[in-house]
Amino acid sequence: MSVVDQDLPGAPASAGNATIELLQSHSLTTVVQRELQRQIVAGELPIGAKLNEADIAATLHVSRGPVREAFRALEQSGLVRTEKNRGVFVRQLSLHEADEIYEVRAALDGLIGRLAAQRIRPAELQRLRDIVKRMHAAGRAHDVDAYFPLNLEFHDLLSEAAGNAALRDNYRRVVNQLNLFRRETLARNAEHIPVSTRDHEAIVDAVAQGDGELAERLLFEHVIDSRERLHAALRSPRAARRPERDIQPKPAST
């Protein structure tokens, strides 16, 4: 008899099976949630895309229950919205909503910089420097597809280096919502990638020097500058909204 077939001592068989099913369901929900979140952040599921529960379940080889639960979690995190009698869509932020979220992110990033300057470990600092080197290469090539994940990795690592789990988790929720806009901003402002990379380099230098006040200021200003680039991108002739359409999710990465 395998472990999953065994019940807890003294517990009815049905109770043991129900517990196992609950754990399996939660695990699948987490896997589905993370995969859909990855596809949304990567732009594979674009703004306004309608998410079909049955199609996603079939593509990811799971039942519809975990997909439904993943939709609820993604809605709570601000990445999708549910419309009665219409379905679930990748959320489309208004410019006003994005502005407010940028203000929150600027404050969180500033605190991250101040704490990271006090707490960062040598290995984390070296990883940040390595990421900046790759950012420079992506900038020289004007390669948005290469730069965007590096930018996410840089800031996520910095949030880890701050050594505060509550701050990191709140930061990630805010950043996930802004990612609905940020890839589009970079795509329309690829020429600003070298400038943004120099910002990141200065941030690393401030953190390495243990200058929390400077790191905090640089990160705050970096986020506010990103907000201004967003406004400039949306004023460009190519800033037309995408129509809502059905999107087939890609299979989970292996």
Protein backbone atom coordinates (compact mmCIF):
# COMPACT_ATOMS: atom_id res chain seq x y z
CA MET A 1 0.00 0.00 0.00
CA SER A 2 1.39 3.40 -0.94
CA VAL A 3 1.59 6.37 1.43
CA VAL A 4 -1.25 8.17 -0.27
CA ASP A 5 -3.49 5.13 0.19
CA GLN A 6 -2.98 5.04 3.95
CA ASP A 7 -5.34 6.75 6.38
CA LEU A 8 -4.30 8.45 9.60
CA PRO A 9 -4.47 6.08 12.61
CA GLY A 10 -7.85 6.19 14.24
CA ALA A 11 -9.42 8.28 11.50
CA PRO A 12 -12.22 7.01 9.26
CA ALA A 13 -11.10 6.03 5.75
CA SER A 14 -13.31 8.66 4.18
CA ALA A 15 -11.72 11.39 6.32
CA GLY A 16 -8.21 10.33 5.26
CA ASN A 17 -9.16 10.30 1.59
CA ALA A 18 -10.84 13.67 1.90
CA THR A 19 -7.69 15.14 3.46
CA ILE A 20 -5.53 13.78 0.64
CA GLU A 21 -7.92 15.11 -1.99
CA LEU A 22 -7.88 18.52 -0.31
CA LEU A 23 -4.07 18.64 -0.27
CA GLN A 24 -3.88 17.51 -3.89
CA SER A 25 -6.45 20.11 -4.92
CA HIS A 26 -4.59 22.91 -3.16
CA SER A 27 -1.31 21.84 -4.74
CA LEU A 28 -2.81 21.79 -8.23
CA THR A 29 -4.44 25.15 -7.62
CA THR A 30 -1.07 26.64 -6.71
CA VAL A 31 0.58 25.15 -9.79
CA VAL A 32 -2.17 26.46 -12.09
CA GLN A 33 -2.14 29.88 -10.42
CA ARG A 34 1.61 30.24 -10.80
CA GLU A 35 1.56 29.14 -14.43
CA LEU A 36 -1.24 31.54 -15.38
CA GLN A 37 0.49 34.33 -13.45
CA ARG A 38 3.71 33.60 -15.36
CA GLN A 39 1.91 33.75 -18.69
CA ILE A 40 0.17 37.01 -17.78
CA VAL A 41 3.40 38.66 -16.59
CA ALA A 42 5.26 37.43 -19.68
CA GLY A 43 2.57 38.88 -21.96
CA GLU A 44 1.63 35.45 -23.31
CA LEU A 45 -1.87 36.15 -21.97
CA PRO A 46 -2.28 39.82 -22.93
CA ILE A 47 -4.38 42.54 -21.37
CA GLY A 48 -8.06 41.99 -22.05
CA ALA A 49 -7.66 38.31 -22.94
CA LYS A 50 -10.63 36.13 -22.01
CA LEU A 51 -9.62 33.02 -20.07
CA ASN A 52 -11.60 29.89 -20.82
CA GLU A 53 -11.79 27.56 -17.81
CA ALA A 54 -12.33 24.37 -19.79
CA ASP A 55 -9.57 25.11 -22.30
CA ILE A 56 -7.05 25.95 -19.57
CA ALA A 57 -7.93 22.76 -17.68
CA ALA A 58 -7.42 20.69 -20.82
CA THR A 59 -4.15 22.41 -21.74
CA LEU A 60 -2.67 22.06 -18.26
CA HIS A 61 -4.08 18.51 -17.82
CA VAL A 62 -6.00 19.26 -14.65
CA SER A 63 -9.67 19.27 -13.68
CA ARG A 64 -11.66 22.48 -13.81
CA GLY A 65 -11.78 22.84 -10.01
CA PRO A 66 -8.14 23.97 -9.55
CA VAL A 67 -8.51 26.34 -12.51
CA ARG A 68 -11.59 27.91 -10.93
CA GLU A 69 -9.74 28.33 -7.62
CA ALA A 70 -6.72 29.78 -9.43
CA PHE A 71 -9.00 32.35 -11.09
CA ARG A 72 -10.24 33.44 -7.65
CA ALA A 73 -6.68 33.81 -6.35
CA LEU A 74 -5.60 35.76 -9.42
CA GLU A 75 -8.59 38.06 -9.03
CA GLN A 76 -7.64 38.75 -5.42
CA SER A 77 -4.10 39.59 -6.50
CA GLY A 78 -5.45 42.02 -9.12
CA LEU A 79 -4.36 40.19 -12.27
CA VAL A 80 -7.77 39.11 -13.61
CA ARG A 81 -11.34 40.32 -13.32
CA THR A 82 -14.60 38.36 -13.42
CA GLU A 83 -17.59 39.78 -15.26
CA LYS A 84 -21.00 38.27 -14.55
CA ASN A 85 -22.35 36.26 -17.49
CA ARG A 86 -19.22 37.09 -19.52
CA GLY A 87 -16.30 35.27 -17.96
CA VAL A 88 -12.80 35.90 -16.65
CA PHE A 89 -10.44 38.39 -18.32
CA VAL A 90 -6.85 39.47 -17.83
CA ARG A 91 -7.28 42.75 -16.01
CA GLN A 92 -6.92 46.02 -17.87
CA LEU A 93 -5.84 48.77 -15.49
CA SER A 94 -6.97 52.33 -15.99
CA LEU A 95 -4.22 54.94 -16.09
CA HIS A 96 -5.52 56.36 -12.81
CA GLU A 97 -5.26 52.93 -11.16
CA ALA A 98 -1.73 52.48 -12.50
CA ASP A 99 -0.70 55.90 -11.17
CA GLU A 100 -1.92 54.99 -7.70
CA ILE A 101 -0.15 51.63 -7.78
CA TYR A 102 3.07 53.29 -8.93
CA GLU A 103 2.91 55.57 -5.88
CA VAL A 104 2.58 52.55 -3.60
CA ARG A 105 5.39 50.75 -5.39
CA ALA A 106 7.68 53.78 -5.09
CA ALA A 107 7.23 53.76 -1.32
CA LEU A 108 7.79 50.00 -1.06
CA ASP A 109 10.85 50.12 -3.32
CA GLY A 110 12.33 52.92 -1.25
CA LEU A 111 12.00 50.89 1.93
CA ILE A 112 13.45 47.85 0.17
CA GLY A 113 16.50 49.89 -0.82
CA ARG A 114 17.04 51.19 2.70
CA LEU A 115 16.78 47.73 4.27
CA ALA A 116 18.81 45.97 1.56
CA ALA A 117 21.67 48.41 2.13
CA GLN A 118 21.77 47.18 5.73
CA ARG A 119 21.13 43.47 5.18
CA ILE A 120 22.29 42.34 1.74
CA ARG A 121 24.67 39.38 1.64
CA PRO A 122 27.76 39.22 -0.60
CA ALA A 123 26.27 36.47 -2.79
CA GLU A 124 23.10 38.54 -3.38
CA LEU A 125 25.17 41.60 -4.23
CA GLN A 126 27.17 39.63 -6.77
CA ARG A 127 23.96 38.31 -8.35
CA LEU A 128 22.68 41.88 -8.69
CA ARG A 129 25.90 42.93 -10.42
CA ASP A 130 25.63 39.94 -12.79
CA ILE A 131 22.06 40.91 -13.67
CA VAL A 132 23.13 44.49 -14.41
CA LYS A 133 25.82 43.17 -16.81
CA ARG A 134 23.14 41.23 -18.69
CA MET A 135 20.92 44.32 -18.66
CA HIS A 136 23.68 46.30 -20.37
CA ALA A 137 23.92 43.63 -23.08
CA ALA A 138 20.14 43.68 -23.61
CA GLY A 139 20.20 47.48 -23.73
CA ARG A 140 22.90 47.57 -26.41
CA ALA A 141 20.76 45.21 -28.47
CA HIS A 142 17.51 47.07 -27.64
CA ASP A 143 16.18 43.62 -26.74
CA VAL A 144 13.03 44.16 -24.68
CA ASP A 145 12.28 40.44 -24.48
CA ALA A 146 15.65 39.87 -22.80
CA TYR A 147 15.54 42.98 -20.64
CA PHE A 148 12.06 42.63 -19.14
CA PRO A 149 12.67 39.39 -17.18
CA LEU A 150 16.06 40.71 -16.03
CA ASN A 151 14.36 43.80 -14.65
CA LEU A 152 11.86 41.63 -12.77
CA GLU A 153 14.65 39.40 -11.45
CA PHE A 154 16.68 42.40 -10.26
CA HIS A 155 13.90 43.95 -8.23
CA ASP A 156 12.66 40.65 -6.85
CA LEU A 157 16.16 39.76 -5.67
CA LEU A 158 16.49 43.18 -4.06
CA SER A 159 13.20 42.61 -2.24
CA GLU A 160 14.61 39.31 -0.94
CA ALA A 161 17.80 41.05 0.17
CA ALA A 162 15.74 43.45 2.30
CA GLY A 163 15.13 40.53 4.65
CA ASN A 164 11.48 41.26 5.38
CA ALA A 165 9.01 38.63 4.16
CA ALA A 166 5.91 40.81 4.66
CA LEU A 167 7.50 43.63 2.64
CA ARG A 168 8.56 41.20 -0.11
CA ASP A 169 5.10 39.64 -0.41
CA ASN A 170 3.31 43.00 -0.57
CA TYR A 171 5.85 44.25 -3.08
CA ARG A 172 5.28 41.24 -5.33
CA ARG A 173 1.52 41.77 -5.35
CA VAL A 174 1.95 45.40 -6.37
CA VAL A 175 4.52 44.59 -9.05
CA ASN A 176 2.36 41.85 -10.56
CA GLN A 177 -0.42 44.35 -11.13
CA LEU A 178 1.93 46.91 -12.70
CA ASN A 179 3.35 44.27 -15.03
CA LEU A 180 0.07 44.55 -16.94
CA PHE A 181 1.42 47.94 -18.09
CA ARG A 182 5.20 47.73 -17.74
CA ARG A 183 6.06 45.38 -20.63
CA GLU A 184 4.08 47.62 -22.96
CA THR A 185 5.98 50.66 -21.66
CA LEU A 186 9.34 49.04 -22.36
CA ALA A 187 8.26 47.89 -25.82
CA ARG A 188 7.48 51.47 -26.80
CA ASN A 189 10.54 52.96 -25.10
CA ALA A 190 13.31 50.49 -25.92
CA GLU A 191 15.71 53.40 -26.36
CA HIS A 192 15.38 54.12 -22.61
CA ILE A 193 16.70 50.69 -21.60
CA PRO A 194 20.33 51.90 -21.31
CA VAL A 195 19.18 54.78 -19.08
CA SER A 196 17.16 52.42 -16.91
CA THR A 197 20.14 50.06 -16.66
CA ARG A 198 22.37 52.88 -15.43
CA ASP A 199 19.74 53.55 -12.76
CA HIS A 200 19.99 49.92 -11.65
CA GLU A 201 23.78 50.14 -11.58
CA ALA A 202 23.65 53.22 -9.35
CA ILE A 203 21.19 51.44 -7.03
CA VAL A 204 23.55 48.47 -6.68
CA ASP A 205 26.46 50.81 -5.90
CA ALA A 206 24.44 52.57 -3.17
CA VAL A 207 23.39 49.25 -1.65
CA ALA A 208 26.97 47.95 -1.81
CA GLN A 209 28.18 51.04 0.03
CA GLY A 210 25.57 50.51 2.74
CA ASP A 211 24.07 53.92 1.95
CA GLY A 212 20.43 53.25 2.79
CA GLU A 213 19.33 56.86 2.35
CA LEU A 214 20.77 57.06 -1.17
CA ALA A 215 19.42 53.62 -2.15
CA GLU A 216 15.97 54.62 -0.92
CA ARG A 217 16.01 57.86 -2.92
CA LEU A 218 17.33 56.25 -6.09
CA LEU A 219 14.71 53.52 -6.03
CA PHE A 220 11.86 55.94 -5.31
CA GLU A 221 12.95 58.17 -8.20
CA HIS A 222 13.44 55.17 -10.47
CA VAL A 223 9.82 54.10 -9.98
CA ILE A 224 8.45 57.62 -10.48
CA ASP A 225 10.52 57.93 -13.68
CA SER A 226 9.00 54.62 -14.82
CA ARG A 227 5.55 56.10 -14.29
CA GLU A 228 6.48 59.09 -16.47
CA ARG A 229 7.70 56.75 -19.21
CA LEU A 230 4.36 54.96 -18.99
CA HIS A 231 2.53 58.22 -19.63
CA ALA A 232 4.82 58.97 -22.58
CA ALA A 233 4.23 55.50 -24.02
CA LEU A 234 0.46 55.86 -23.77
CA ARG A 235 0.61 59.21 -25.54
CA SER A 236 2.36 57.58 -28.50
CA PRO A 237 0.37 56.82 -31.69
CA ARG A 238 0.75 53.09 -31.06
CA ALA A 239 -0.98 53.24 -27.69
CA ALA A 240 -4.33 51.90 -28.91
CA ARG A 241 -6.00 49.40 -26.62
CA ARG A 242 -6.11 45.74 -27.59
CA PRO A 243 -9.58 44.32 -28.17
CA GLU A 244 -10.75 41.57 -25.86
CA ARG A 245 -10.31 38.13 -27.38
CA ASP A 246 -10.20 34.48 -26.41
CA ILE A 247 -6.67 33.26 -25.72
CA GLN A 248 -5.50 29.66 -25.51
CA PRO A 249 -3.01 29.27 -22.64
CA LYS A 250 0.34 27.65 -23.32
CA PRO A 251 1.17 24.36 -21.63
CA ALA A 252 3.02 24.68 -18.33
CA SER A 253 6.79 24.91 -18.64
CA THR A 254 8.68 21.74 -17.84
